[in-house]
Protein backbone atom coordinates (compact mmCIF):
# COMPACT_ATOMS: atom_id res chain seq x y z
CA MET A 1 -34.19 -178.30 14.90
CA PRO A 2 -35.98 -176.01 17.42
CA ARG A 3 -39.60 -175.16 16.71
CA GLN A 4 -40.21 -171.64 15.41
CA PRO A 5 -42.00 -169.41 17.96
CA ARG A 6 -45.62 -168.79 17.03
CA LEU A 7 -46.12 -165.48 15.23
CA VAL A 8 -48.74 -163.45 17.13
CA ILE A 9 -49.33 -159.74 16.48
CA SER A 10 -51.85 -158.00 18.71
CA GLY A 11 -54.38 -155.84 16.89
CA TYR A 12 -54.35 -158.01 13.74
CA PRO A 13 -56.57 -160.94 12.73
CA HIS A 14 -55.20 -164.49 12.97
CA HIS A 15 -56.58 -167.42 10.98
CA ILE A 16 -56.78 -170.37 13.37
CA ILE A 17 -57.27 -174.04 12.48
CA LEU A 18 -57.94 -176.47 15.32
CA ARG A 19 -58.12 -180.15 14.32
CA GLY A 20 -59.19 -183.34 16.02
CA ASN A 21 -56.51 -185.91 16.79
CA ASN A 22 -55.92 -188.17 13.74
CA ARG A 23 -58.65 -186.14 12.00
CA SER A 24 -61.23 -187.67 14.37
CA ALA A 25 -64.52 -185.93 15.14
CA ILE A 26 -64.55 -183.15 17.71
CA PHE A 27 -68.32 -182.66 17.50
CA TYR A 28 -70.78 -185.52 17.89
CA ASN A 29 -74.00 -183.48 17.77
CA ASP A 30 -75.37 -179.94 17.75
CA LYS A 31 -75.32 -179.76 21.55
CA ASP A 32 -71.52 -180.12 21.36
CA ARG A 33 -71.33 -177.32 18.83
CA ARG A 34 -73.45 -175.01 20.96
CA PHE A 35 -71.25 -175.70 23.98
CA PHE A 36 -68.11 -175.05 21.91
CA ILE A 37 -69.50 -171.66 20.83
CA GLU A 38 -70.24 -170.79 24.46
CA CYS A 39 -66.64 -171.68 25.32
CA ILE A 40 -65.35 -169.39 22.55
CA LYS A 41 -67.55 -166.52 23.73
CA GLU A 42 -66.33 -166.91 27.29
CA SER A 43 -62.64 -167.01 26.34
CA LYS A 44 -63.13 -164.13 23.90
CA GLU A 45 -64.58 -161.94 26.64
CA LYS A 46 -61.86 -162.87 29.12
CA THR A 47 -59.08 -161.92 26.69
CA LYS A 48 -60.92 -158.93 25.13
CA SER A 49 -60.43 -160.41 21.68
CA LYS A 50 -62.54 -160.02 18.54
CA ILE A 51 -63.86 -162.75 16.26
CA TYR A 52 -64.53 -161.92 12.62
CA ALA A 53 -65.37 -165.32 11.12
CA TYR A 54 -65.76 -168.99 12.07
CA CYS A 55 -66.82 -172.36 10.73
CA LEU A 56 -67.37 -175.51 12.79
CA MET A 57 -66.77 -178.63 10.72
CA THR A 58 -67.05 -182.21 12.02
CA ASN A 59 -63.36 -182.77 12.77
CA HIS A 60 -61.90 -179.27 12.72
CA VAL A 61 -62.65 -175.60 13.35
CA HIS A 62 -61.71 -172.39 11.57
CA LEU A 63 -61.59 -169.11 13.51
CA LEU A 64 -60.55 -165.58 12.53
CA ILE A 65 -59.48 -163.96 15.80
CA GLU A 66 -57.98 -160.56 16.58
CA PRO A 67 -56.28 -160.61 20.01
CA SER A 68 -55.97 -157.36 21.95
CA LYS A 69 -52.68 -158.54 23.51
CA LYS A 70 -49.95 -160.84 22.22
CA GLU A 71 -50.56 -163.43 24.94
CA GLY A 72 -54.32 -163.20 24.40
CA LEU A 73 -54.43 -165.67 21.52
CA GLY A 74 -52.62 -168.44 23.37
CA ASN A 75 -54.62 -167.81 26.55
CA MET A 76 -57.87 -167.87 24.61
CA MET A 77 -57.13 -171.13 22.82
CA GLN A 78 -55.80 -172.77 26.00
CA SER A 79 -58.93 -171.85 27.95
CA LEU A 80 -61.20 -172.92 25.11
CA GLY A 81 -59.42 -176.23 24.56
CA ARG A 82 -59.25 -177.23 28.20
CA LYS A 83 -62.91 -176.54 29.00
CA TYR A 84 -64.21 -178.15 25.83
CA VAL A 85 -62.12 -181.32 26.23
CA GLN A 86 -63.39 -181.74 29.78
CA TYR A 87 -66.95 -181.43 28.51
CA ILE A 88 -66.45 -183.90 25.63
CA ASN A 89 -64.73 -186.51 27.79
CA ARG A 90 -67.39 -186.26 30.48
CA THR A 91 -70.38 -186.18 28.12
CA HIS A 92 -69.27 -188.91 25.73
CA LYS A 93 -67.44 -191.05 28.30
CA ARG A 94 -64.10 -190.88 26.56
CA THR A 95 -60.50 -190.31 27.68
CA GLY A 96 -57.30 -189.04 26.16
CA THR A 97 -56.41 -186.16 23.89
CA LEU A 98 -58.92 -184.54 21.55
CA TRP A 99 -56.72 -182.17 19.58
CA GLU A 100 -54.05 -182.81 16.96
CA GLY A 101 -51.12 -181.05 18.64
CA ARG A 102 -50.85 -177.26 18.55
CA PHE A 103 -53.39 -175.23 16.63
CA LYS A 104 -52.25 -173.80 13.29
CA SER A 105 -52.29 -170.04 12.74
CA SER A 106 -51.32 -167.22 10.41
CA VAL A 107 -51.44 -163.44 10.69
CA VAL A 108 -53.80 -161.74 8.22
CA SER A 109 -53.58 -158.14 7.02
CA LYS A 110 -56.63 -155.87 7.18
CA ASP A 111 -57.36 -155.50 3.48
CA GLU A 112 -58.52 -157.82 0.68
CA TYR A 113 -56.55 -160.61 2.34
CA LEU A 114 -58.91 -160.48 5.32
CA LEU A 115 -61.96 -160.63 3.06
CA THR A 116 -60.50 -163.57 1.13
CA CYS A 117 -59.67 -165.42 4.34
CA SER A 118 -63.24 -164.95 5.65
CA ARG A 119 -64.57 -166.25 2.36
CA TYR A 120 -62.27 -169.26 2.53
CA ILE A 121 -63.50 -170.09 6.03
CA GLU A 122 -67.20 -169.77 5.22
CA LEU A 123 -66.92 -171.81 2.01
CA ASN A 124 -65.51 -174.85 3.84
CA PRO A 125 -68.86 -176.72 3.94
CA VAL A 126 -69.32 -176.11 0.20
CA ARG A 127 -65.88 -177.47 -0.65
CA ALA A 128 -66.63 -180.48 1.56
CA LYS A 129 -69.90 -180.97 -0.40
CA ILE A 130 -71.98 -180.77 2.76
CA VAL A 131 -74.11 -177.94 1.32
CA LYS A 132 -74.40 -176.23 -2.04
CA HIS A 133 -74.32 -172.69 -0.63
CA PRO A 134 -72.84 -171.33 2.63
CA ILE A 135 -76.21 -169.91 3.71
CA ASP A 136 -77.42 -173.50 4.15
CA TYR A 137 -74.77 -174.20 6.80
CA VAL A 138 -75.79 -172.82 10.18
CA TRP A 139 -72.48 -173.38 11.99
CA SER A 140 -70.56 -170.53 10.36
CA SER A 141 -70.44 -166.74 10.32
CA PHE A 142 -71.87 -166.39 6.80
CA GLY A 143 -75.48 -165.77 7.90
CA PHE A 144 -74.37 -162.92 10.16
CA LYS A 145 -72.63 -161.04 7.35
CA ALA A 146 -74.84 -162.00 4.41
CA GLU A 147 -78.31 -161.86 5.98
CA GLY A 148 -77.91 -160.08 9.29
CA LYS A 149 -78.65 -163.11 11.47
CA GLN A 150 -78.01 -162.54 15.17
CA ASP A 151 -74.69 -163.97 16.36
CA ALA A 152 -73.36 -162.76 19.70
CA LEU A 153 -70.00 -164.40 18.99
CA LEU A 154 -69.06 -162.09 16.12
CA ASP A 155 -67.65 -158.61 15.55
CA GLU A 156 -67.82 -156.70 12.27
CA ASP A 157 -64.37 -156.55 10.72
CA PRO A 158 -63.14 -153.26 9.19
CA ILE A 159 -63.16 -154.59 5.62
CA TYR A 160 -66.76 -155.79 5.91
CA GLU A 161 -67.72 -152.32 7.14
CA SER A 162 -66.21 -150.82 3.97
CA LEU A 163 -68.49 -152.88 1.68
CA GLY A 164 -71.33 -150.37 1.90
CA LYS A 165 -72.77 -147.36 3.71
CA THR A 166 -75.76 -149.28 5.05
CA LEU A 167 -76.11 -152.75 6.56
CA GLU A 168 -78.28 -153.85 3.64
CA GLU A 169 -75.70 -152.67 1.11
CA ARG A 170 -72.91 -154.49 2.95
CA GLN A 171 -74.95 -157.69 3.05
CA GLU A 172 -75.71 -157.57 -0.68
CA ASN A 173 -72.10 -156.85 -1.63
CA TYR A 174 -70.89 -159.62 0.67
CA LYS A 175 -73.22 -162.15 -0.99
CA GLU A 176 -72.02 -160.96 -4.40
CA ILE A 177 -68.45 -161.91 -3.50
CA PHE A 178 -69.55 -165.54 -3.01
CA ARG A 179 -70.88 -165.91 -6.56
CA GLU A 180 -67.39 -167.02 -7.61
CA ASN A 181 -65.35 -169.83 -6.11
CA ILE A 182 -61.95 -169.18 -4.59
CA SER A 183 -59.18 -169.93 -7.08
CA GLU A 184 -56.75 -172.79 -6.50
CA ARG A 185 -53.95 -170.24 -6.15
CA GLU A 186 -55.78 -168.43 -3.36
CA LEU A 187 -56.60 -171.73 -1.65
CA SER A 188 -52.92 -172.64 -1.75
CA LEU A 189 -51.86 -169.25 -0.36
CA ILE A 190 -54.18 -169.54 2.63
CA ARG A 191 -53.41 -173.19 3.38
CA ASN A 192 -49.65 -172.74 3.19
CA THR A 193 -49.50 -169.61 5.36
CA THR A 194 -51.67 -171.20 8.06
CA GLN A 195 -49.85 -174.54 8.00
CA LYS A 196 -46.44 -172.86 8.22
CA GLY A 197 -47.36 -170.13 10.69
CA GLY A 198 -46.68 -167.26 8.31
CA ILE A 199 -48.29 -164.07 7.05
CA PHE A 200 -51.22 -163.72 4.67
CA GLY A 201 -50.62 -160.19 3.42
CA ASN A 202 -48.72 -158.03 0.95
CA GLU A 203 -45.04 -157.08 0.89
CA LYS A 204 -45.54 -153.80 2.78
CA PHE A 205 -47.40 -155.63 5.54
CA LEU A 206 -44.57 -158.18 5.77
CA GLU A 207 -41.99 -155.40 6.10
CA ARG A 208 -44.03 -153.64 8.78
CA ILE A 209 -44.42 -156.82 10.83
CA THR A 210 -40.75 -157.77 10.41
CA GLU A 211 -39.69 -154.34 11.65
CA SER A 212 -42.09 -154.41 14.61
CA ILE A 213 -40.97 -157.84 15.89
CA GLY A 214 -37.26 -157.42 15.07
CA ARG A 215 -36.82 -160.70 13.21
CA ASN A 216 -37.51 -162.24 9.83
CA VAL A 217 -40.88 -163.86 9.41
CA PHE A 218 -40.64 -167.62 8.90
CA TRP A 219 -42.95 -167.83 5.89
CA ARG A 220 -45.10 -165.53 3.76
CA ALA A 221 -47.51 -166.17 0.91
CA ARG A 222 -46.35 -165.19 -2.57
CA GLY A 223 -48.95 -163.38 -4.60
CA ARG A 224 -52.15 -161.64 -3.58
CA PRO A 225 -55.84 -162.49 -3.67
CA LYS A 226 -58.12 -161.31 -6.42
CA LYS A 227 -60.02 -158.14 -5.55
CA SER A 228 -63.67 -159.17 -5.38
CA LEU A 229 -65.22 -155.71 -5.46
């Protein structure tokens, strides 16, 4: 059975998961993580993309990327992957593949789905029991949105901007959202859409995307996330 073409819609966020081969580590130390972030920044600038959220775990990465052009997402990930693998193999004297096949992705609508997806990404270290609160994990976008920490990699997404009239108000409201854990239903929605290359959005968004690309979307989440605010 032929593989479904990857669903990429320019001007909309895409939740990306990039895993190490056989779930092996892709970062061995903080120097690796810093280099990876520099690679993302470089490929982001080349493709004129935006990044709304990220989390670097030991053996995988979550990114929330909005490409300006359809081919921008693939070009960005190809450039990032190639440069980082060369660095890892050279630095740690290894050979062979680093990644587990193609990266996983889903299209995310610009409403509460985007906010829920960002929350899912930034709570990864908490679910993995690495930290008790996302603010204690430095390799994610949470500090940028919750406490205004400088992060040249990130752009403010439109839903974050709607959380308050001032930066301080947005930061407080964003932190308030994290007082509750994501439900199992929401976790399942996000995981399934990303694994199957579908859409994380409502019915109207699905219809709009289907009409714009001229074909049925392979998979879409059923249900919607809880409104946090």
